[in-house]
Amino acid sequence: MSDLKEKDPKISYGGQALIEGVMIRGKKVAVLAVRNPEGEIIKERIKFSRFYNKSLLKVPILRGILNLVDSLVVGTRALNFSANIAEGEEDSTKNSEGLNFAIVISMSLIIAIGIFFVTPALISRGFHYLGFSNLFISFLEGLIRLVFVIGYIYIIGLSKDIRRVFQYHGAEHMAVWTHEAGKDLSKSNLRNFTKEHPRCGTSFILLVVMVSIIVFMLFPRENLIIFIMLRIVLVPIIAGISYELLKIGSRSKFNLVKNLLNGPGILIQKLTTKEPDESQLEVAIESMEYAIKLNEN
């Protein structure tokens, strides 16, 4: 690796696996590269959501909340784009804007909060009446939530189509790693890096589960309505705290801190990433190069 041309990456890039493609986002713009049914790689720009406010993104906790909402909007828009391109649709922006799009985002949030936050809370709540401590019940709630998340990932991973998305996920990470290391974006260089990355959204999800255990431990469980409402209202705060921990873990110079904050997420990524093939690496490279071109020029 030492004989490869050195570069100096100036912008931190993130990304997302898509249907037959990869999205890469920088500070200015997000882009995607998707392979259509004819085998061509189609590239698109994706505008950030109105929640992407550069001045507010400097405020701790709040920036995590805004980034989460923006990532959900941009990510869903990118998934719709990629689905249309992969299916050979002439209009890649179909179903990516307007009222229907807003409904999809809202329903996704409601279902996710209901399944992964409210349901584990209701299941664990029964132990309150059996005399168990709040500490134990909070830990049990978090454990149930973690089982739900891992179980969901495992089940969808059984699908052949989702496995291909997981391969693109690995390719996306390899492309980001390669650029961050200052190396040329070639398939052989990408192969020198792992398919797991500490800033991955999977690591973020796991941190949310861990932080929720501590946060919910601080609140009473007696009143059912307040109990459920807290699980809904506090989700953004928990997400904001988790985002800050993710940033600390990715930037810390202390191995112990890195291992504590990043280690569990890296393990979960064994499920959400798969080794990509050559054609998938090619798509990731196209997306990364396009993102660099638009964000750094």
C-alpha atoms as a PDB file:
ATOM      1  CA  MET A   1       0.000   0.000   0.000  1.00  0.00           C
ATOM      2  CA  SER A   2       2.918   2.375   0.599  1.00  0.00           C
ATOM      3  CA  ASP A   3       3.730   2.658  -3.094  1.00  0.00           C
ATOM      4  CA  LEU A   4       0.339   4.076  -3.929  1.00  0.00           C
ATOM      5  CA  LYS A   5      -0.098   7.748  -4.690  1.00  0.00           C
ATOM      6  CA  GLU A   6      -0.855   9.729  -1.534  1.00  0.00           C
ATOM      7  CA  LYS A   7      -3.787  12.158  -1.383  1.00  0.00           C
ATOM      8  CA  ASP A   8      -5.041  14.554   1.258  1.00  0.00           C
ATOM      9  CA  PRO A   9      -8.803  14.153   1.756  1.00  0.00           C
ATOM     10  CA  LYS A  10     -10.255  17.466   2.937  1.00  0.00           C
ATOM     11  CA  ILE A  11     -13.900  16.493   3.370  1.00  0.00           C
ATOM     12  CA  SER A  12     -15.437  13.781   5.507  1.00  0.00           C
ATOM     13  CA  TYR A  13     -17.669  11.569   3.369  1.00  0.00           C
ATOM     14  CA  GLY A  14     -20.468   9.232   4.355  1.00  0.00           C
ATOM     15  CA  GLY A  15     -22.756   7.085   2.332  1.00  0.00           C
ATOM     16  CA  GLN A  16     -25.520   4.555   1.997  1.00  0.00           C
ATOM     17  CA  ALA A  17     -26.074   1.344   0.093  1.00  0.00           C
ATOM     18  CA  LEU A  18     -28.873   1.493  -2.456  1.00  0.00           C
ATOM     19  CA  ILE A  19     -30.676  -0.858  -4.805  1.00  0.00           C
ATOM     20  CA  GLU A  20     -27.922  -1.767  -7.278  1.00  0.00           C
ATOM     21  CA  GLY A  21     -25.998   1.314  -6.264  1.00  0.00           C
ATOM     22  CA  VAL A  22     -24.215   3.507  -3.751  1.00  0.00           C
ATOM     23  CA  MET A  23     -24.876   6.994  -2.419  1.00  0.00           C
ATOM     24  CA  ILE A  24     -21.981   9.158  -1.211  1.00  0.00           C
ATOM     25  CA  ARG A  25     -22.533  12.493   0.494  1.00  0.00           C
ATOM     26  CA  GLY A  26     -20.149  15.304   1.317  1.00  0.00           C
ATOM     27  CA  LYS A  27     -20.647  18.777   2.777  1.00  0.00           C
ATOM     28  CA  LYS A  28     -22.021  20.356  -0.397  1.00  0.00           C
ATOM     29  CA  VAL A  29     -23.964  17.653  -2.188  1.00  0.00           C
ATOM     30  CA  ALA A  30     -24.920  13.984  -2.128  1.00  0.00           C
ATOM     31  CA  VAL A  31     -24.617  11.808  -5.222  1.00  0.00           C
ATOM     32  CA  LEU A  32     -25.568   8.316  -6.243  1.00  0.00           C
ATOM     33  CA  ALA A  33     -24.336   5.849  -8.826  1.00  0.00           C
ATOM     34  CA  VAL A  34     -26.681   3.030  -9.846  1.00  0.00           C
ATOM     35  CA  ARG A  35     -26.367   0.280 -12.447  1.00  0.00           C
ATOM     36  CA  ASN A  36     -29.386   0.083 -14.742  1.00  0.00           C
ATOM     37  CA  PRO A  37     -30.733  -3.084 -16.448  1.00  0.00           C
ATOM     38  CA  GLU A  38     -28.491  -2.405 -19.485  1.00  0.00           C
ATOM     39  CA  GLY A  39     -25.390  -2.504 -17.282  1.00  0.00           C
ATOM     40  CA  GLU A  40     -24.726   1.235 -17.489  1.00  0.00           C
ATOM     41  CA  ILE A  41     -23.846   3.223 -14.368  1.00  0.00           C
ATOM     42  CA  ILE A  42     -26.218   6.169 -13.996  1.00  0.00           C
ATOM     43  CA  LYS A  43     -25.163   9.052 -11.737  1.00  0.00           C
ATOM     44  CA  GLU A  44     -27.456  11.593 -10.076  1.00  0.00           C
ATOM     45  CA  ARG A  45     -27.142  14.514  -7.689  1.00  0.00           C
ATOM     46  CA  ILE A  46     -29.418  14.582  -4.643  1.00  0.00           C
ATOM     47  CA  LYS A  47     -30.291  17.801  -2.880  1.00  0.00           C
ATOM     48  CA  PHE A  48     -30.103  17.977   0.887  1.00  0.00           C
ATOM     49  CA  SER A  49     -33.295  18.424   2.877  1.00  0.00           C
ATOM     50  CA  ARG A  50     -34.358  21.727   4.438  1.00  0.00           C
ATOM     51  CA  PHE A  51     -33.162  20.349   7.784  1.00  0.00           C
ATOM     52  CA  TYR A  52     -29.535  20.613   6.600  1.00  0.00           C
ATOM     53  CA  ASN A  53     -28.622  23.951   8.217  1.00  0.00           C
ATOM     54  CA  LYS A  54     -24.865  24.548   8.416  1.00  0.00           C
ATOM     55  CA  SER A  55     -25.058  26.972  11.344  1.00  0.00           C
ATOM     56  CA  LEU A  56     -27.244  24.652  13.444  1.00  0.00           C
ATOM     57  CA  LEU A  57     -25.011  21.693  12.593  1.00  0.00           C
ATOM     58  CA  LYS A  58     -22.395  23.207  14.913  1.00  0.00           C
ATOM     59  CA  VAL A  59     -24.650  22.797  17.973  1.00  0.00           C
ATOM     60  CA  PRO A  60     -23.985  19.534  19.879  1.00  0.00           C
ATOM     61  CA  ILE A  61     -26.957  17.143  20.263  1.00  0.00           C
ATOM     62  CA  LEU A  62     -29.091  19.304  17.942  1.00  0.00           C
ATOM     63  CA  ARG A  63     -26.801  18.528  15.001  1.00  0.00           C
ATOM     64  CA  GLY A  64     -27.336  14.831  15.637  1.00  0.00           C
ATOM     65  CA  ILE A  65     -31.107  15.261  15.491  1.00  0.00           C
ATOM     66  CA  LEU A  66     -30.936  17.345  12.302  1.00  0.00           C
ATOM     67  CA  ASN A  67     -28.480  14.925  10.697  1.00  0.00           C
ATOM     68  CA  LEU A  68     -30.777  12.008  11.498  1.00  0.00           C
ATOM     69  CA  VAL A  69     -33.800  13.674   9.900  1.00  0.00           C
ATOM     70  CA  ASP A  70     -31.785  14.871   6.918  1.00  0.00           C
ATOM     71  CA  SER A  71     -30.245  11.424   6.426  1.00  0.00           C
ATOM     72  CA  LEU A  72     -33.687   9.829   6.541  1.00  0.00           C
ATOM     73  CA  VAL A  73     -35.077  12.238   3.936  1.00  0.00           C
ATOM     74  CA  VAL A  74     -32.048  12.121   1.625  1.00  0.00           C
ATOM     75  CA  GLY A  75     -31.613   8.371   2.098  1.00  0.00           C
ATOM     76  CA  THR A  76     -35.242   7.608   1.267  1.00  0.00           C
ATOM     77  CA  ARG A  77     -35.065   9.895  -1.755  1.00  0.00           C
ATOM     78  CA  ALA A  78     -31.892   8.109  -2.905  1.00  0.00           C
ATOM     79  CA  LEU A  79     -33.522   4.691  -2.446  1.00  0.00           C
ATOM     80  CA  ASN A  80     -36.452   5.781  -4.607  1.00  0.00           C
ATOM     81  CA  PHE A  81     -34.046   7.110  -7.237  1.00  0.00           C
ATOM     82  CA  SER A  82     -32.081   3.866  -7.267  1.00  0.00           C
ATOM     83  CA  ALA A  83     -35.204   1.705  -7.440  1.00  0.00           C
ATOM     84  CA  ASN A  84     -36.442   3.637 -10.465  1.00  0.00           C
ATOM     85  CA  ILE A  85     -33.063   3.442 -12.223  1.00  0.00           C
ATOM     86  CA  ALA A  86     -32.581  -0.260 -11.429  1.00  0.00           C
ATOM     87  CA  GLU A  87     -36.043  -0.981 -12.837  1.00  0.00           C
ATOM     88  CA  GLY A  88     -35.318   0.965 -16.018  1.00  0.00           C
ATOM     89  CA  GLU A  89     -37.668   3.893 -15.312  1.00  0.00           C
ATOM     90  CA  GLU A  90     -37.008   6.914 -17.513  1.00  0.00           C
ATOM     91  CA  ASP A  91     -37.842   9.346 -14.696  1.00  0.00           C
ATOM     92  CA  SER A  92     -35.527   8.530 -11.790  1.00  0.00           C
ATOM     93  CA  THR A  93     -37.163  11.182  -9.578  1.00  0.00           C
ATOM     94  CA  LYS A  94     -40.563   9.480  -9.675  1.00  0.00           C
ATOM     95  CA  ASN A  95     -42.103   9.080  -6.176  1.00  0.00           C
ATOM     96  CA  SER A  96     -39.210  11.036  -4.623  1.00  0.00           C
ATOM     97  CA  GLU A  97     -40.995  14.305  -3.859  1.00  0.00           C
ATOM     98  CA  GLY A  98     -44.330  15.706  -2.722  1.00  0.00           C
ATOM     99  CA  LEU A  99     -47.062  14.553  -0.362  1.00  0.00           C
ATOM    100  CA  ASN A 100     -46.640  10.831  -1.015  1.00  0.00           C
ATOM    101  CA  PHE A 101     -42.958  11.087  -0.174  1.00  0.00           C
ATOM    102  CA  ALA A 102     -43.736  12.914   3.083  1.00  0.00           C
ATOM    103  CA  ILE A 103     -46.259  10.220   3.994  1.00  0.00           C
ATOM    104  CA  VAL A 104     -43.674   7.483   3.393  1.00  0.00           C
ATOM    105  CA  ILE A 105     -41.166   9.255   5.664  1.00  0.00           C
ATOM    106  CA  SER A 106     -43.753   9.811   8.397  1.00  0.00           C
ATOM    107  CA  MET A 107     -45.050   6.239   8.302  1.00  0.00           C
ATOM    108  CA  SER A 108     -41.504   4.865   8.374  1.00  0.00           C
ATOM    109  CA  LEU A 109     -40.751   6.866  11.521  1.00  0.00           C
ATOM    110  CA  ILE A 110     -43.993   5.850  13.236  1.00  0.00           C
ATOM    111  CA  ILE A 111     -43.491   2.154  12.478  1.00  0.00           C
ATOM    112  CA  ALA A 112     -39.821   2.215  13.537  1.00  0.00           C
ATOM    113  CA  ILE A 113     -40.564   3.963  16.837  1.00  0.00           C
ATOM    114  CA  GLY A 114     -43.512   1.654  17.481  1.00  0.00           C
ATOM    115  CA  ILE A 115     -41.561  -1.547  16.862  1.00  0.00           C
ATOM    116  CA  PHE A 116     -38.135  -0.696  18.238  1.00  0.00           C
ATOM    117  CA  PHE A 117     -38.996   1.681  21.102  1.00  0.00           C
ATOM    118  CA  VAL A 118     -42.592   1.319  22.308  1.00  0.00           C
ATOM    119  CA  THR A 119     -42.953  -2.470  21.968  1.00  0.00           C
ATOM    120  CA  PRO A 120     -39.789  -3.397  23.956  1.00  0.00           C
ATOM    121  CA  ALA A 121     -40.848  -0.868  26.601  1.00  0.00           C
ATOM    122  CA  LEU A 122     -44.303  -2.431  26.961  1.00  0.00           C
ATOM    123  CA  ILE A 123     -42.866  -5.952  27.140  1.00  0.00           C
ATOM    124  CA  SER A 124     -40.374  -5.014  29.862  1.00  0.00           C
ATOM    125  CA  ARG A 125     -42.938  -2.917  31.761  1.00  0.00           C
ATOM    126  CA  GLY A 126     -44.583  -6.061  33.130  1.00  0.00           C
ATOM    127  CA  PHE A 127     -41.507  -6.756  35.247  1.00  0.00           C
ATOM    128  CA  HIS A 128     -42.128  -3.498  37.124  1.00  0.00           C
ATOM    129  CA  TYR A 129     -45.130  -5.095  38.818  1.00  0.00           C
ATOM    130  CA  LEU A 130     -43.045  -8.115  39.799  1.00  0.00           C
ATOM    131  CA  GLY A 131     -40.819  -5.953  41.969  1.00  0.00           C
ATOM    132  CA  PHE A 132     -37.739  -5.781  39.756  1.00  0.00           C
ATOM    133  CA  SER A 133     -35.541  -2.677  39.991  1.00  0.00           C
ATOM    134  CA  ASN A 134     -35.680   0.140  37.459  1.00  0.00           C
ATOM    135  CA  LEU A 135     -32.064  -0.610  36.545  1.00  0.00           C
ATOM    136  CA  PHE A 136     -32.877  -4.222  35.670  1.00  0.00           C
ATOM    137  CA  ILE A 137     -36.019  -3.296  33.715  1.00  0.00           C
ATOM    138  CA  SER A 138     -34.172  -0.611  31.724  1.00  0.00           C
ATOM    139  CA  PHE A 139     -31.442  -3.099  30.886  1.00  0.00           C
ATOM    140  CA  LEU A 140     -34.062  -5.693  29.889  1.00  0.00           C
ATOM    141  CA  GLU A 141     -35.839  -3.142  27.704  1.00  0.00           C
ATOM    142  CA  GLY A 142     -32.572  -2.329  25.948  1.00  0.00           C
ATOM    143  CA  LEU A 143     -31.773  -6.011  25.522  1.00  0.00           C
ATOM    144  CA  ILE A 144     -35.188  -6.668  23.946  1.00  0.00           C
ATOM    145  CA  ARG A 145     -34.676  -3.659  21.676  1.00  0.00           C
ATOM    146  CA  LEU A 146     -31.282  -5.009  20.622  1.00  0.00           C
ATOM    147  CA  VAL A 147     -32.754  -8.450  19.899  1.00  0.00           C
ATOM    148  CA  PHE A 148     -35.445  -6.808  17.759  1.00  0.00           C
ATOM    149  CA  VAL A 149     -32.834  -4.850  15.779  1.00  0.00           C
ATOM    150  CA  ILE A 150     -30.498  -7.805  15.233  1.00  0.00           C
ATOM    151  CA  GLY A 151     -33.407 -10.117  14.452  1.00  0.00           C
ATOM    152  CA  TYR A 152     -34.776  -7.669  11.894  1.00  0.00           C
ATOM    153  CA  ILE A 153     -31.378  -7.303  10.216  1.00  0.00           C
ATOM    154  CA  TYR A 154     -30.866 -11.074  10.157  1.00  0.00           C
ATOM    155  CA  ILE A 155     -34.315 -11.806   8.692  1.00  0.00           C
ATOM    156  CA  ILE A 156     -34.132  -9.233   5.891  1.00  0.00           C
ATOM    157  CA  GLY A 157     -30.577 -10.412   5.182  1.00  0.00           C
ATOM    158  CA  LEU A 158     -31.987 -13.788   4.129  1.00  0.00           C
ATOM    159  CA  SER A 159     -33.390 -12.111   1.018  1.00  0.00           C
ATOM    160  CA  LYS A 160     -31.174 -12.353  -2.063  1.00  0.00           C
ATOM    161  CA  ASP A 161     -31.964  -8.753  -3.031  1.00  0.00           C
ATOM    162  CA  ILE A 162     -31.088  -7.424   0.427  1.00  0.00           C
ATOM    163  CA  ARG A 163     -27.856  -9.411   0.409  1.00  0.00           C
ATOM    164  CA  ARG A 164     -26.899  -7.502  -2.740  1.00  0.00           C
ATOM    165  CA  VAL A 165     -27.672  -4.244  -0.917  1.00  0.00           C
ATOM    166  CA  PHE A 166     -25.399  -5.430   1.907  1.00  0.00           C
ATOM    167  CA  GLN A 167     -22.664  -6.074  -0.679  1.00  0.00           C
ATOM    168  CA  TYR A 168     -23.021  -2.509  -1.941  1.00  0.00           C
ATOM    169  CA  HIS A 169     -22.854  -1.436   1.703  1.00  0.00           C
ATOM    170  CA  GLY A 170     -19.459  -3.094   1.987  1.00  0.00           C
ATOM    171  CA  ALA A 171     -18.326  -1.497  -1.283  1.00  0.00           C
ATOM    172  CA  GLU A 172     -19.392   1.934  -0.034  1.00  0.00           C
ATOM    173  CA  HIS A 173     -17.309   1.529   3.120  1.00  0.00           C
ATOM    174  CA  MET A 174     -14.280   0.367   1.131  1.00  0.00           C
ATOM    175  CA  ALA A 175     -14.514   3.417  -1.138  1.00  0.00           C
ATOM    176  CA  VAL A 176     -14.728   5.799   1.832  1.00  0.00           C
ATOM    177  CA  TRP A 177     -11.826   4.042   3.592  1.00  0.00           C
ATOM    178  CA  THR A 178      -9.680   4.266   0.454  1.00  0.00           C
ATOM    179  CA  HIS A 179     -10.289   7.981   0.003  1.00  0.00           C
ATOM    180  CA  GLU A 180      -9.694   8.679   3.695  1.00  0.00           C
ATOM    181  CA  ALA A 181      -6.374   6.847   3.445  1.00  0.00           C
ATOM    182  CA  GLY A 182      -5.376   9.135   0.572  1.00  0.00           C
ATOM    183  CA  LYS A 183      -5.159   6.314  -1.975  1.00  0.00           C
ATOM    184  CA  ASP A 184      -6.259   6.151  -5.586  1.00  0.00           C
ATOM    185  CA  LEU A 185      -9.770   4.820  -6.067  1.00  0.00           C
ATOM    186  CA  SER A 186      -9.055   1.534  -7.816  1.00  0.00           C
ATOM    187  CA  LYS A 187     -10.606  -1.880  -7.236  1.00  0.00           C
ATOM    188  CA  SER A 188      -7.316  -3.317  -6.018  1.00  0.00           C
ATOM    189  CA  ASN A 189      -6.903  -0.494  -3.510  1.00  0.00           C
ATOM    190  CA  LEU A 190     -10.455  -0.872  -2.235  1.00  0.00           C
ATOM    191  CA  ARG A 191      -9.752  -4.554  -1.576  1.00  0.00           C
ATOM    192  CA  ASN A 192      -7.049  -3.510   0.912  1.00  0.00           C
ATOM    193  CA  PHE A 193      -9.682  -2.135   3.292  1.00  0.00           C
ATOM    194  CA  THR A 194     -12.370  -3.742   5.416  1.00  0.00           C
ATOM    195  CA  LYS A 195     -16.064  -3.690   4.612  1.00  0.00           C
ATOM    196  CA  GLU A 196     -16.817  -2.319   8.101  1.00  0.00           C
ATOM    197  CA  HIS A 197     -16.522   1.374   9.021  1.00  0.00           C
ATOM    198  CA  PRO A 198     -16.816   3.052  12.464  1.00  0.00           C
ATOM    199  CA  ARG A 199     -19.022   5.920  11.204  1.00  0.00           C
ATOM    200  CA  CYS A 200     -21.584   3.535   9.729  1.00  0.00           C
ATOM    201  CA  GLY A 201     -25.272   4.030  10.472  1.00  0.00           C
ATOM    202  CA  THR A 202     -25.340   0.503  11.886  1.00  0.00           C
ATOM    203  CA  SER A 203     -22.962   1.608  14.636  1.00  0.00           C
ATOM    204  CA  PHE A 204     -25.212   4.605  15.231  1.00  0.00           C
ATOM    205  CA  ILE A 205     -28.255   2.359  15.691  1.00  0.00           C
ATOM    206  CA  LEU A 206     -26.428   0.246  18.254  1.00  0.00           C
ATOM    207  CA  LEU A 207     -25.335   3.366  20.152  1.00  0.00           C
ATOM    208  CA  VAL A 208     -28.977   4.492  20.209  1.00  0.00           C
ATOM    209  CA  VAL A 209     -29.903   1.202  21.899  1.00  0.00           C
ATOM    210  CA  MET A 210     -27.113   1.582  24.467  1.00  0.00           C
ATOM    211  CA  VAL A 211     -27.881   5.236  25.235  1.00  0.00           C
ATOM    212  CA  SER A 212     -31.609   4.498  25.546  1.00  0.00           C
ATOM    213  CA  ILE A 213     -30.889   2.099  28.422  1.00  0.00           C
ATOM    214  CA  ILE A 214     -29.241   4.882  30.438  1.00  0.00           C
ATOM    215  CA  VAL A 215     -31.735   7.628  29.521  1.00  0.00           C
ATOM    216  CA  PHE A 216     -34.902   5.620  30.204  1.00  0.00           C
ATOM    217  CA  MET A 217     -33.435   4.484  33.516  1.00  0.00           C
ATOM    218  CA  LEU A 218     -33.864   8.063  34.774  1.00  0.00           C
ATOM    219  CA  PHE A 219     -37.637   8.207  34.348  1.00  0.00           C
ATOM    220  CA  PRO A 220     -40.527   6.581  36.268  1.00  0.00           C
ATOM    221  CA  ARG A 221     -42.664   3.785  34.834  1.00  0.00           C
ATOM    222  CA  GLU A 222     -45.857   4.052  36.883  1.00  0.00           C
ATOM    223  CA  ASN A 223     -48.042   6.127  34.524  1.00  0.00           C
ATOM    224  CA  LEU A 224     -48.598   4.207  31.267  1.00  0.00           C
ATOM    225  CA  ILE A 225     -49.353   7.270  29.110  1.00  0.00           C
ATOM    226  CA  ILE A 226     -46.301   9.205  30.325  1.00  0.00           C
ATOM    227  CA  PHE A 227     -44.267   6.007  30.036  1.00  0.00           C
ATOM    228  CA  ILE A 228     -45.136   5.598  26.332  1.00  0.00           C
ATOM    229  CA  MET A 229     -44.909   9.311  25.498  1.00  0.00           C
ATOM    230  CA  LEU A 230     -41.391   9.495  26.921  1.00  0.00           C
ATOM    231  CA  ARG A 231     -40.336   6.676  24.567  1.00  0.00           C
ATOM    232  CA  ILE A 232     -41.522   8.782  21.642  1.00  0.00           C
ATOM    233  CA  VAL A 233     -40.480  12.283  22.755  1.00  0.00           C
ATOM    234  CA  LEU A 234     -36.989  11.284  23.884  1.00  0.00           C
ATOM    235  CA  VAL A 235     -36.037   9.487  20.651  1.00  0.00           C
ATOM    236  CA  PRO A 236     -34.544  12.662  19.073  1.00  0.00           C
ATOM    237  CA  ILE A 237     -32.545  13.454  22.237  1.00  0.00           C
ATOM    238  CA  ILE A 238     -31.198   9.902  22.384  1.00  0.00           C
ATOM    239  CA  ALA A 239     -30.290  10.137  18.696  1.00  0.00           C
ATOM    240  CA  GLY A 240     -28.461  13.419  19.325  1.00  0.00           C
ATOM    241  CA  ILE A 241     -26.429  11.967  22.189  1.00  0.00           C
ATOM    242  CA  SER A 242     -25.631   8.850  20.149  1.00  0.00           C
ATOM    243  CA  TYR A 243     -24.421  11.004  17.251  1.00  0.00           C
ATOM    244  CA  GLU A 244     -21.984  12.825  19.547  1.00  0.00           C
ATOM    245  CA  LEU A 245     -20.656   9.513  20.874  1.00  0.00           C
ATOM    246  CA  LEU A 246     -20.221   8.269  17.302  1.00  0.00           C
ATOM    247  CA  LYS A 247     -18.151  11.361  16.464  1.00  0.00           C
ATOM    248  CA  ILE A 248     -16.046  10.907  19.603  1.00  0.00           C
ATOM    249  CA  GLY A 249     -15.449   7.254  18.760  1.00  0.00           C
ATOM    250  CA  SER A 250     -14.365   8.008  15.192  1.00  0.00           C
ATOM    251  CA  ARG A 251     -11.997  10.835  16.197  1.00  0.00           C
ATOM    252  CA  SER A 252     -10.571   9.626  19.499  1.00  0.00           C
ATOM    253  CA  LYS A 253      -6.845   8.896  19.641  1.00  0.00           C
ATOM    254  CA  PHE A 254      -7.352   6.518  22.559  1.00  0.00           C
ATOM    255  CA  ASN A 255      -7.822   2.890  21.531  1.00  0.00           C
ATOM    256  CA  LEU A 256      -9.877   2.085  24.633  1.00  0.00           C
ATOM    257  CA  VAL A 257     -12.438   4.792  23.806  1.00  0.00           C
ATOM    258  CA  LYS A 258     -12.523   3.729  20.161  1.00  0.00           C
ATOM    259  CA  ASN A 259     -13.022   0.081  21.036  1.00  0.00           C
ATOM    260  CA  LEU A 260     -15.781   0.811  23.551  1.00  0.00           C
ATOM    261  CA  LEU A 261     -17.747   3.087  21.221  1.00  0.00           C
ATOM    262  CA  ASN A 262     -16.981   1.485  17.851  1.00  0.00           C
ATOM    263  CA  GLY A 263     -16.414  -2.175  18.678  1.00  0.00           C
ATOM    264  CA  PRO A 264     -20.044  -3.297  19.118  1.00  0.00           C
ATOM    265  CA  GLY A 265     -21.107  -1.486  15.938  1.00  0.00           C
ATOM    266  CA  ILE A 266     -18.302  -3.098  13.942  1.00  0.00           C
ATOM    267  CA  LEU A 267     -19.530  -6.514  15.115  1.00  0.00           C
ATOM    268  CA  ILE A 268     -23.110  -5.769  14.008  1.00  0.00           C
ATOM    269  CA  GLN A 269     -21.763  -4.708  10.611  1.00  0.00           C
ATOM    270  CA  LYS A 270     -20.763  -8.334  10.081  1.00  0.00           C
ATOM    271  CA  LEU A 271     -24.487  -8.761   9.389  1.00  0.00           C
ATOM    272  CA  THR A 272     -25.155  -5.567   7.418  1.00  0.00           C
ATOM    273  CA  THR A 273     -22.136  -5.716   5.091  1.00  0.00           C
ATOM    274  CA  LYS A 274     -21.023  -8.436   2.690  1.00  0.00           C
ATOM    275  CA  GLU A 275     -17.968  -8.738   0.459  1.00  0.00           C
ATOM    276  CA  PRO A 276     -18.741  -6.945  -2.839  1.00  0.00           C
ATOM    277  CA  ASP A 277     -17.960  -8.270  -6.296  1.00  0.00           C
ATOM    278  CA  GLU A 278     -15.944  -6.366  -8.916  1.00  0.00           C
ATOM    279  CA  SER A 279     -18.973  -4.742 -10.551  1.00  0.00           C
ATOM    280  CA  GLN A 280     -20.185  -3.435  -7.193  1.00  0.00           C
ATOM    281  CA  LEU A 281     -16.769  -1.979  -6.416  1.00  0.00           C
ATOM    282  CA  GLU A 282     -16.912  -0.223  -9.781  1.00  0.00           C
ATOM    283  CA  VAL A 283     -20.225   1.424  -8.854  1.00  0.00           C
ATOM    284  CA  ALA A 284     -18.855   2.532  -5.468  1.00  0.00           C
ATOM    285  CA  ILE A 285     -15.794   4.053  -7.145  1.00  0.00           C
ATOM    286  CA  GLU A 286     -17.965   5.943  -9.660  1.00  0.00           C
ATOM    287  CA  SER A 287     -20.090   7.331  -6.833  1.00  0.00           C
ATOM    288  CA  MET A 288     -17.071   8.315  -4.724  1.00  0.00           C
ATOM    289  CA  GLU A 289     -15.313  10.015  -7.643  1.00  0.00           C
ATOM    290  CA  TYR A 290     -18.471  11.920  -8.584  1.00  0.00           C
ATOM    291  CA  ALA A 291     -18.920  13.053  -4.968  1.00  0.00           C
ATOM    292  CA  ILE A 292     -15.314  14.263  -4.789  1.00  0.00           C
ATOM    293  CA  LYS A 293     -15.704  16.141  -8.068  1.00  0.00           C
ATOM    294  CA  LEU A 294     -18.832  18.006  -6.938  1.00  0.00           C
ATOM    295  CA  ASN A 295     -17.795  18.619  -3.335  1.00  0.00           C
ATOM    296  CA  GLU A 296     -14.176  19.653  -3.815  1.00  0.00           C
ATOM    297  CA  ASN A 297     -14.309  21.686  -7.031  1.00  0.00           C
END
